Amino acid sequence: MILSRLPSFLQRFFRPFRTALSDDQFRHLWCLVLGLAVNLRAAKLLHLSHLAPAGGHRTRHGAFLAHGDWDAPALLAEAGTDLLNSMRPRAGEVIYLILDDNRIPKRGKKMDHVSKIWDHKQQRFVRGHIALFAAVAFRGVVLPWKVELWKPKGHPGPRYRKLTDMAAAIVKAFAAAAPEGVKVRVLFDAFYLCPQVAGACEGNGFTFFSVAARNRTFTTDGKRGKRRAKGKSIARLMPGLIRHKGRRVRMRRSRGHATLRIASADGHLSRIGRVRMVVSKRPRGPWKKCIAVVTSETGLRPRQVVAIYETRWLIEVLFKELRQDLGLADYQMIAEEGVLHHLHVCCLAHLLLTHRSLDALGAKAKEGHERVTLPPMSTRLAHLRAHIARDQIERLVKGEQHAALRQRLRDYLLAA
């Protein structure tokens, strides 16, 4: 399939980018975004250049990514915010801001900001990049909102920043983009449970939910008129809470239900402040898999706290879709700017597929307090490719002469 022009049914998604890009940049952008969605071997520039001759040779695509003076973060934030607003959030609804990093192993020795990192998937140290992602989850729909590349110490460029400081800055930036009247809950794992991120949440009126490391000190609230109990590590508190205060609950899953034993306690978490801690464990599971979820929203029931934190899994699904279907980790760029541009183009391709699915749902996607169910990523990709192919065929056989022959050719191409 060769894309010689931007299909008319996709122009509404790309229209806001025209004012921020030149004609040549706009052509490169839509060629790359559609190329990632249409081509099964998405991230190779050589393959993308064959798909979109309007964009020129693969070296021009590489120059657009590595040296183009276009603001990729602003385009991604604008596209994500527009999609969020198109769902018409009502006052009182909840938006989840999910923070997590994705580790991308790379063998290239000359790539900017490549360092020794721990790869959780391979369970060993590798060389690669760490990209910090922020995704917005609303009514079950996940929208990539921001991507930043972590720069190790000693590398040339801007001043070194910790991942936790980068996450706190993202939380502060989201405060300006969040719709008015909605409630924002920030979800992250134990690595980001620190004073910087917790303070950014509290300072902007957000609540947070996170897993706490087992070695953190937690001080339970003492009884009235008595001295506060001495703090203990969460690992020491877990068995007593589960055995003496634990209750069996059935948690809903995508397929059926799961039985958990949970217990809660209010108190003070070291370096964080007052939180509600909910300890969760499978009835017959090993103690090493027992987790403690903490939240600053202390008025919730224990099972609600666990259910809300499980929403963080949506960003893991997002990572799988970006890497497996859209070639997030398959870039070959050397410069930092090129790597960042590639990551943002992949996120724009994901937003394009979500935009198409929400359009297909119509008014159902705009109903307040109703969960939206989107098709699997494979189905979304297949529908987009089929629609683009149909649009190309209709354009090819368009004309007035030899109507019968054109109709037969159209039928044969559609059936192929």
Protein backbone atom coordinates (compact mmCIF):
# COMPACT_ATOMS: atom_id res chain seq x y z
CA MET A 1 0.00 0.00 0.00
CA ILE A 2 1.36 3.40 -1.05
CA LEU A 3 0.01 6.54 0.63
CA SER A 4 0.11 9.42 -1.83
CA ARG A 5 -2.16 11.76 0.13
CA LEU A 6 -3.74 12.17 3.54
CA PRO A 7 -7.13 10.35 3.50
CA SER A 8 -10.06 12.68 3.96
CA PHE A 9 -11.51 10.72 6.90
CA LEU A 10 -8.30 11.35 8.90
CA GLN A 11 -7.95 15.06 8.23
CA ARG A 12 -9.93 16.09 11.32
CA PHE A 13 -7.34 14.48 13.61
CA PHE A 14 -4.39 16.15 11.87
CA ARG A 15 -6.04 19.56 11.26
CA PRO A 16 -4.90 21.17 14.58
CA PHE A 17 -1.24 20.45 13.66
CA ARG A 18 -1.29 22.57 10.49
CA THR A 19 -0.87 25.89 12.29
CA ALA A 20 2.19 24.66 14.23
CA LEU A 21 4.00 23.03 11.29
CA SER A 22 5.18 24.06 7.85
CA ASP A 23 3.74 22.29 4.80
CA ASP A 24 6.82 20.08 4.51
CA GLN A 25 6.81 19.22 8.24
CA PHE A 26 3.09 18.47 8.17
CA ARG A 27 3.58 16.11 5.23
CA HIS A 28 6.39 14.27 7.01
CA LEU A 29 4.37 14.00 10.22
CA TRP A 30 1.24 12.45 8.75
CA CYS A 31 3.35 10.14 6.57
CA LEU A 32 5.22 8.81 9.61
CA VAL A 33 2.14 8.51 11.85
CA LEU A 34 0.16 6.62 9.22
CA GLY A 35 3.20 4.57 8.29
CA LEU A 36 3.53 3.33 11.87
CA ALA A 37 -0.14 2.32 11.92
CA VAL A 38 -0.30 0.76 8.44
CA ASN A 39 3.08 -0.94 8.14
CA LEU A 40 3.57 -4.18 10.07
CA ARG A 41 7.33 -3.50 10.33
CA ALA A 42 6.59 -0.07 11.63
CA ALA A 43 9.68 1.70 12.81
CA LYS A 44 12.14 1.13 9.94
CA LEU A 45 12.52 4.38 8.02
CA LEU A 46 13.26 2.45 4.84
CA HIS A 47 9.88 0.71 5.00
CA LEU A 48 8.06 3.93 5.90
CA SER A 49 9.56 5.76 2.93
CA HIS A 50 8.16 3.11 0.57
CA LEU A 51 4.71 3.65 2.05
CA ALA A 52 4.68 7.40 1.65
CA PRO A 53 6.48 8.75 -1.41
CA ALA A 54 4.91 12.13 -0.68
CA GLY A 55 7.30 12.36 2.23
CA GLY A 56 10.40 11.72 0.12
CA HIS A 57 13.45 9.55 0.70
CA ARG A 58 14.10 7.86 4.05
CA THR A 59 16.97 10.27 4.75
CA ARG A 60 14.47 13.14 4.70
CA HIS A 61 12.32 11.32 7.24
CA GLY A 62 15.41 10.85 9.39
CA ALA A 63 16.30 14.54 9.11
CA PHE A 64 12.74 15.47 10.07
CA LEU A 65 12.99 13.36 13.23
CA ALA A 66 16.58 14.19 14.19
CA HIS A 67 16.88 17.86 13.24
CA GLY A 68 13.33 19.19 12.76
CA ASP A 69 12.47 22.28 14.79
CA TRP A 70 8.92 21.18 15.64
CA ASP A 71 7.53 20.93 19.16
CA ALA A 72 6.58 17.25 19.54
CA PRO A 73 5.57 17.46 23.26
CA ALA A 74 3.18 20.33 22.52
CA LEU A 75 1.54 18.41 19.65
CA LEU A 76 1.11 15.29 21.79
CA ALA A 77 -0.34 17.24 24.72
CA GLU A 78 -2.70 19.13 22.39
CA ALA A 79 -3.92 15.94 20.70
CA GLY A 80 -4.41 14.16 24.03
CA THR A 81 -6.22 17.14 25.58
CA ASP A 82 -8.51 17.46 22.54
CA LEU A 83 -9.46 13.79 22.74
CA LEU A 84 -10.09 14.09 26.48
CA ASN A 85 -12.29 17.16 25.98
CA SER A 86 -14.19 15.43 23.14
CA MET A 87 -15.45 12.91 25.72
CA ARG A 88 -17.02 15.85 27.61
CA PRO A 89 -15.91 15.27 31.22
CA ARG A 90 -18.58 16.24 33.77
CA ALA A 91 -17.98 17.86 37.12
CA GLY A 92 -17.39 15.19 39.75
CA GLU A 93 -15.96 12.60 37.35
CA VAL A 94 -12.50 11.14 38.01
CA ILE A 95 -9.44 11.35 35.77
CA TYR A 96 -6.43 9.15 36.46
CA LEU A 97 -2.93 10.42 35.72
CA ILE A 98 -0.65 7.37 35.57
CA LEU A 99 3.14 7.73 35.79
CA ASP A 100 5.64 5.01 34.91
CA ASP A 101 8.96 4.58 33.13
CA ASN A 102 9.69 2.27 30.21
CA ARG A 103 13.16 0.78 29.79
CA ILE A 104 14.31 0.31 26.20
CA PRO A 105 17.44 -1.82 25.62
CA LYS A 106 19.62 -0.48 22.77
CA ARG A 107 22.85 -1.93 21.39
CA GLY A 108 24.01 1.32 19.78
CA LYS A 109 27.11 2.71 21.46
CA LYS A 110 26.91 6.21 19.96
CA MET A 111 23.30 6.97 20.88
CA ASP A 112 22.76 9.94 23.16
CA HIS A 113 21.99 9.17 26.82
CA VAL A 114 22.45 5.40 26.59
CA SER A 115 23.51 4.02 29.98
CA LYS A 116 23.58 0.86 32.06
CA ILE A 117 20.03 0.14 33.27
CA TRP A 118 18.20 -2.73 34.94
CA ASP A 119 15.79 -4.42 32.53
CA HIS A 120 12.89 -5.94 34.52
CA LYS A 121 11.80 -8.11 31.59
CA GLN A 122 15.18 -9.80 31.11
CA GLN A 123 16.08 -9.56 34.84
CA ARG A 124 19.60 -8.33 34.08
CA PHE A 125 21.56 -5.15 33.43
CA VAL A 126 21.58 -3.88 29.84
CA ARG A 127 22.49 -0.70 28.00
CA GLY A 128 19.57 1.42 26.93
CA HIS A 129 17.24 4.35 27.49
CA ILE A 130 14.73 5.13 30.23
CA ALA A 131 11.65 7.03 29.04
CA LEU A 132 9.20 8.48 31.56
CA PHE A 133 5.58 8.30 30.39
CA ALA A 134 2.47 10.04 31.67
CA ALA A 135 -0.87 8.66 30.50
CA VAL A 136 -4.39 9.89 31.17
CA ALA A 137 -7.08 7.27 31.86
CA PHE A 138 -10.70 8.42 31.67
CA ARG A 139 -13.75 6.14 31.51
CA GLY A 140 -11.43 3.26 30.64
CA VAL A 141 -9.76 5.03 27.70
CA VAL A 142 -5.98 5.52 27.93
CA LEU A 143 -4.38 8.55 26.26
CA PRO A 144 -0.59 9.11 26.11
CA TRP A 145 -0.02 12.65 27.36
CA LYS A 146 3.69 13.24 27.94
CA VAL A 147 7.03 11.49 27.28
CA GLU A 148 10.44 12.52 28.61
CA LEU A 149 13.84 10.89 28.11
CA TRP A 150 15.99 10.48 31.22
CA LYS A 151 19.56 11.81 30.90
CA PRO A 152 22.23 10.03 33.00
CA LYS A 153 24.82 11.91 35.01
CA GLY A 154 27.93 13.01 33.17
CA HIS A 155 26.29 13.24 29.73
CA PRO A 156 26.47 16.56 27.87
CA GLY A 157 23.33 18.65 27.74
CA PRO A 158 20.93 20.19 30.27
CA ARG A 159 21.36 19.84 34.01
CA TYR A 160 20.84 16.34 35.40
CA ARG A 161 17.37 15.62 36.79
CA LYS A 162 16.15 12.67 38.79
CA LEU A 163 13.23 10.64 37.51
CA THR A 164 11.26 11.62 40.61
CA ASP A 165 11.81 15.33 39.91
CA MET A 166 10.69 14.79 36.31
CA ALA A 167 7.54 13.03 37.55
CA ALA A 168 6.77 15.88 39.98
CA ALA A 169 7.12 18.41 37.14
CA ILE A 170 4.68 16.38 35.00
CA VAL A 171 2.11 16.40 37.81
CA LYS A 172 2.40 20.19 38.10
CA ALA A 173 2.08 20.62 34.32
CA PHE A 174 -1.05 18.48 34.20
CA ALA A 175 -2.77 20.77 36.69
CA ALA A 176 -3.04 23.43 33.97
CA ALA A 177 -4.44 20.98 31.38
CA ALA A 178 -6.98 19.13 33.57
CA PRO A 179 -10.65 19.99 32.84
CA GLU A 180 -12.39 22.10 35.44
CA GLY A 181 -14.51 20.41 38.08
CA VAL A 182 -13.06 16.91 37.67
CA LYS A 183 -11.18 14.99 40.34
CA VAL A 184 -7.63 13.89 39.54
CA ARG A 185 -6.03 10.81 41.05
CA VAL A 186 -2.34 10.17 40.39
CA LEU A 187 -1.18 6.53 40.24
CA PHE A 188 2.44 5.37 40.36
CA ASP A 189 4.60 2.56 41.68
CA ALA A 190 6.84 2.45 44.77
CA PHE A 191 9.80 4.12 43.03
CA TYR A 192 7.90 7.43 42.72
CA LEU A 193 6.50 7.43 46.27
CA CYS A 194 8.69 10.29 47.47
CA PRO A 195 8.21 13.79 48.96
CA GLN A 196 8.64 15.50 45.57
CA VAL A 197 5.83 13.63 43.79
CA ALA A 198 3.54 13.47 46.85
CA GLY A 199 4.07 17.20 47.44
CA ALA A 200 3.26 17.99 43.79
CA CYS A 201 0.01 16.03 44.10
CA GLU A 202 -0.99 17.76 47.33
CA GLY A 203 0.00 21.20 46.06
CA ASN A 204 -2.29 20.89 43.04
CA GLY A 205 -5.25 19.38 44.84
CA PHE A 206 -4.69 15.83 43.53
CA THR A 207 -4.75 12.60 45.52
CA PHE A 208 -2.24 9.80 44.96
CA PHE A 209 -2.27 6.00 45.10
CA SER A 210 0.91 3.95 45.21
CA VAL A 211 2.47 0.73 46.42
CA ALA A 212 4.82 1.29 49.37
CA ALA A 213 8.11 -0.57 49.70
CA ARG A 214 8.17 -3.11 52.52
CA ASN A 215 11.07 -1.38 54.29
CA ARG A 216 9.21 1.94 54.68
CA THR A 217 8.31 2.96 58.24
CA PHE A 218 4.61 3.26 59.02
CA THR A 219 3.26 4.62 62.31
CA THR A 220 -0.33 3.64 63.06
CA ASP A 221 -2.68 6.10 64.69
CA GLY A 222 -2.75 5.65 68.48
CA LYS A 223 -5.90 5.69 70.55
CA ARG A 224 -7.24 8.99 71.85
CA GLY A 225 -5.41 10.30 74.86
CA LYS A 226 -2.56 7.86 74.40
CA ARG A 227 0.91 8.36 73.05
CA ARG A 228 1.40 7.60 69.37
CA ALA A 229 2.58 4.05 68.74
CA LYS A 230 6.15 3.52 67.66
CA GLY A 231 6.69 3.20 63.91
CA LYS A 232 7.46 -0.18 62.35
CA SER A 233 8.45 -1.37 58.92
CA ILE A 234 5.54 -2.30 56.67
CA ALA A 235 6.95 -5.84 56.37
CA ARG A 236 6.53 -6.32 60.15
CA LEU A 237 3.01 -4.88 60.17
CA MET A 238 1.65 -6.94 57.28
CA PRO A 239 1.16 -10.32 59.02
CA GLY A 240 -0.61 -8.86 62.04
CA LEU A 241 -2.95 -6.72 59.94
CA ILE A 242 -3.90 -9.61 57.67
CA ARG A 243 -4.42 -12.11 60.49
CA HIS A 244 -6.32 -9.90 62.93
CA LYS A 245 -8.07 -7.34 60.71
CA GLY A 246 -8.15 -9.07 57.34
CA ARG A 247 -11.38 -9.62 55.46
CA ARG A 248 -12.06 -11.70 52.36
CA VAL A 249 -13.29 -9.71 49.38
CA ARG A 250 -14.10 -10.60 45.78
CA MET A 251 -12.51 -8.22 43.28
CA ARG A 252 -13.89 -8.01 39.77
CA ARG A 253 -11.54 -8.91 36.93
CA SER A 254 -11.84 -8.77 33.15
CA ARG A 255 -12.68 -12.48 33.35
CA GLY A 256 -14.57 -13.46 36.47
CA HIS A 257 -13.47 -12.54 39.99
CA ALA A 258 -10.44 -12.90 42.27
CA THR A 259 -10.53 -13.46 46.03
CA LEU A 260 -8.22 -11.33 48.17
CA ARG A 261 -7.68 -10.89 51.89
CA ILE A 262 -7.26 -7.21 52.73
CA ALA A 263 -6.84 -5.08 55.85
CA SER A 264 -6.38 -1.35 56.35
CA ALA A 265 -4.77 1.02 58.84
CA ASP A 266 -4.50 4.80 59.03
CA GLY A 267 -1.29 6.45 60.10
CA HIS A 268 1.87 8.27 59.15
CA LEU A 269 4.21 7.03 56.37
CA SER A 270 7.83 8.09 56.65
CA ARG A 271 8.71 11.15 54.52
CA ILE A 272 5.18 11.26 53.07
CA GLY A 273 2.69 12.13 55.81
CA ARG A 274 -0.75 10.89 56.79
CA VAL A 275 -2.09 8.11 54.55
CA ARG A 276 -4.40 5.13 54.58
CA MET A 277 -2.57 1.84 54.03
CA VAL A 278 -4.34 -1.20 52.64
CA VAL A 279 -2.54 -4.54 52.80
CA SER A 280 -3.60 -7.06 50.16
CA LYS A 281 -2.78 -10.76 49.83
CA ARG A 282 -4.20 -13.82 48.13
CA PRO A 283 -5.55 -16.24 50.79
CA ARG A 284 -3.09 -19.01 49.87
CA GLY A 285 -0.43 -16.87 48.26
CA PRO A 286 3.12 -16.46 49.60
CA TRP A 287 3.84 -13.60 51.98
CA LYS A 288 6.49 -12.21 49.65
CA LYS A 289 3.69 -11.28 47.23
CA CYS A 290 1.73 -9.37 49.84
CA ILE A 291 1.57 -5.67 48.90
CA ALA A 292 0.72 -2.46 50.73
CA VAL A 293 -1.18 0.23 48.83
CA VAL A 294 -1.11 3.73 50.35
CA THR A 295 -3.24 6.71 49.45
CA SER A 296 -3.74 10.27 50.60
CA GLU A 297 -7.50 9.83 50.07
CA THR A 298 -8.18 8.41 53.54
CA GLY A 299 -11.98 8.38 53.31
CA LEU A 300 -12.19 5.43 50.91
CA ARG A 301 -13.01 1.86 51.85
CA PRO A 302 -10.13 -0.65 51.62
CA ARG A 303 -11.49 -2.50 48.60
CA GLN A 304 -11.98 0.81 46.79
CA VAL A 305 -8.32 1.69 47.36
CA VAL A 306 -7.18 -1.63 45.88
CA ALA A 307 -9.55 -1.33 42.90
CA ILE A 308 -8.37 2.21 42.12
CA TYR A 309 -4.70 1.27 42.27
CA GLU A 310 -5.32 -1.67 39.91
CA THR A 311 -6.20 0.95 37.28
CA ARG A 312 -2.45 1.57 37.00
CA TRP A 313 -2.26 -1.62 34.95
CA LEU A 314 -3.67 0.36 32.00
CA ILE A 315 -0.28 1.97 31.38
CA GLU A 316 1.32 -1.48 31.16
CA VAL A 317 -1.21 -2.33 28.45
CA LEU A 318 -0.31 0.96 26.74
CA PHE A 319 3.40 0.03 26.77
CA LYS A 320 2.61 -3.35 25.23
CA GLU A 321 0.57 -1.75 22.43
CA LEU A 322 3.20 0.90 21.72
CA ARG A 323 6.09 -1.57 21.62
CA GLN A 324 4.42 -4.55 20.00
CA ASP A 325 2.15 -2.88 17.44
CA LEU A 326 3.62 0.59 16.85
CA GLY A 327 7.38 0.02 17.07
CA LEU A 328 8.13 2.20 20.09
CA ALA A 329 11.51 0.55 20.79
CA ASP A 330 12.61 0.02 17.18
CA TYR A 331 14.15 3.42 16.55
CA GLN A 332 17.64 3.82 15.07
CA MET A 333 18.20 7.49 15.88
CA ILE A 334 21.49 8.65 17.40
CA ALA A 335 20.60 12.15 18.58
CA GLU A 336 18.42 12.74 21.63
CA GLU A 337 16.01 14.90 19.63
CA GLY A 338 15.47 12.13 17.08
CA VAL A 339 14.75 9.54 19.80
CA LEU A 340 12.24 11.84 21.50
CA HIS A 341 10.53 12.68 18.21
CA HIS A 342 10.18 8.97 17.42
CA LEU A 343 8.61 8.26 20.82
CA HIS A 344 6.14 11.11 20.33
CA VAL A 345 5.23 9.99 16.80
CA CYS A 346 4.41 6.51 18.17
CA CYS A 347 2.18 8.09 20.81
CA LEU A 348 0.45 10.21 18.13
CA ALA A 349 -0.23 7.02 16.14
CA HIS A 350 -1.83 5.51 19.25
CA LEU A 351 -3.98 8.62 19.73
CA LEU A 352 -5.03 8.44 16.07
CA LEU A 353 -6.32 4.89 16.55
CA THR A 354 -8.15 5.93 19.74
CA HIS A 355 -9.65 8.91 17.90
CA ARG A 356 -11.02 6.58 15.21
CA SER A 357 -12.53 4.22 17.81
CA LEU A 358 -14.19 7.05 19.75
CA ASP A 359 -15.65 8.44 16.52
CA ALA A 360 -17.12 5.03 15.74
CA LEU A 361 -18.80 4.92 19.17
CA GLY A 362 -20.37 8.34 18.63
CA ALA A 363 -22.59 9.56 21.48
CA LYS A 364 -21.73 6.53 23.65
CA ALA A 365 -18.22 7.93 24.17
CA LYS A 366 -19.67 11.18 25.59
CA GLU A 367 -22.07 9.78 28.19
CA GLY A 368 -21.14 10.85 31.69
CA HIS A 369 -19.94 8.29 34.28
CA GLU A 370 -20.11 5.47 31.69
CA ARG A 371 -17.12 3.23 31.01
CA VAL A 372 -16.07 3.16 27.35
CA THR A 373 -14.98 -0.17 25.88
CA LEU A 374 -12.66 0.11 22.88
CA PRO A 375 -11.80 -2.77 20.51
CA PRO A 376 -8.43 -4.53 20.93
CA MET A 377 -5.43 -2.89 19.31
CA SER A 378 -5.27 -5.56 16.59
CA THR A 379 -8.87 -4.80 15.61
CA ARG A 380 -8.25 -1.05 15.59
CA LEU A 381 -5.23 -1.50 13.32
CA ALA A 382 -7.12 -3.83 10.96
CA HIS A 383 -10.04 -1.40 10.66
CA LEU A 384 -7.76 1.53 9.90
CA ARG A 385 -5.80 -0.39 7.27
CA ALA A 386 -9.00 -1.63 5.63
CA HIS A 387 -10.48 1.88 5.57
CA ILE A 388 -7.31 3.36 4.05
CA ALA A 389 -7.21 0.60 1.43
CA ARG A 390 -10.86 1.24 0.54
CA ASP A 391 -10.19 4.97 0.28
CA GLN A 392 -7.23 4.34 -2.06
CA ILE A 393 -9.30 2.00 -4.26
CA GLU A 394 -12.23 4.44 -4.49
CA ARG A 395 -9.81 7.16 -5.55
CA LEU A 396 -8.17 4.89 -8.15
CA VAL A 397 -11.39 3.82 -9.90
CA LYS A 398 -13.04 7.24 -9.70
CA GLY A 399 -14.21 8.55 -13.07
CA GLU A 400 -17.13 8.71 -15.51
CA GLN A 401 -15.87 6.78 -18.54
CA HIS A 402 -16.15 2.99 -18.72
CA ALA A 403 -18.37 2.83 -15.65
CA ALA A 404 -18.97 -0.94 -15.89
CA LEU A 405 -15.26 -1.68 -16.19
CA ARG A 406 -14.47 0.62 -13.27
CA GLN A 407 -17.12 -1.09 -11.14
CA ARG A 408 -15.69 -4.55 -11.93
CA LEU A 409 -12.17 -3.33 -11.12
CA ARG A 410 -13.42 -1.84 -7.85
CA ASP A 411 -15.11 -5.13 -6.84
CA TYR A 412 -12.00 -7.17 -7.66
CA LEU A 413 -9.71 -4.85 -5.66
CA LEU A 414 -12.01 -4.78 -2.65
CA ALA A 415 -12.22 -8.57 -2.66
CA ALA A 416 -8.44 -9.00 -2.94
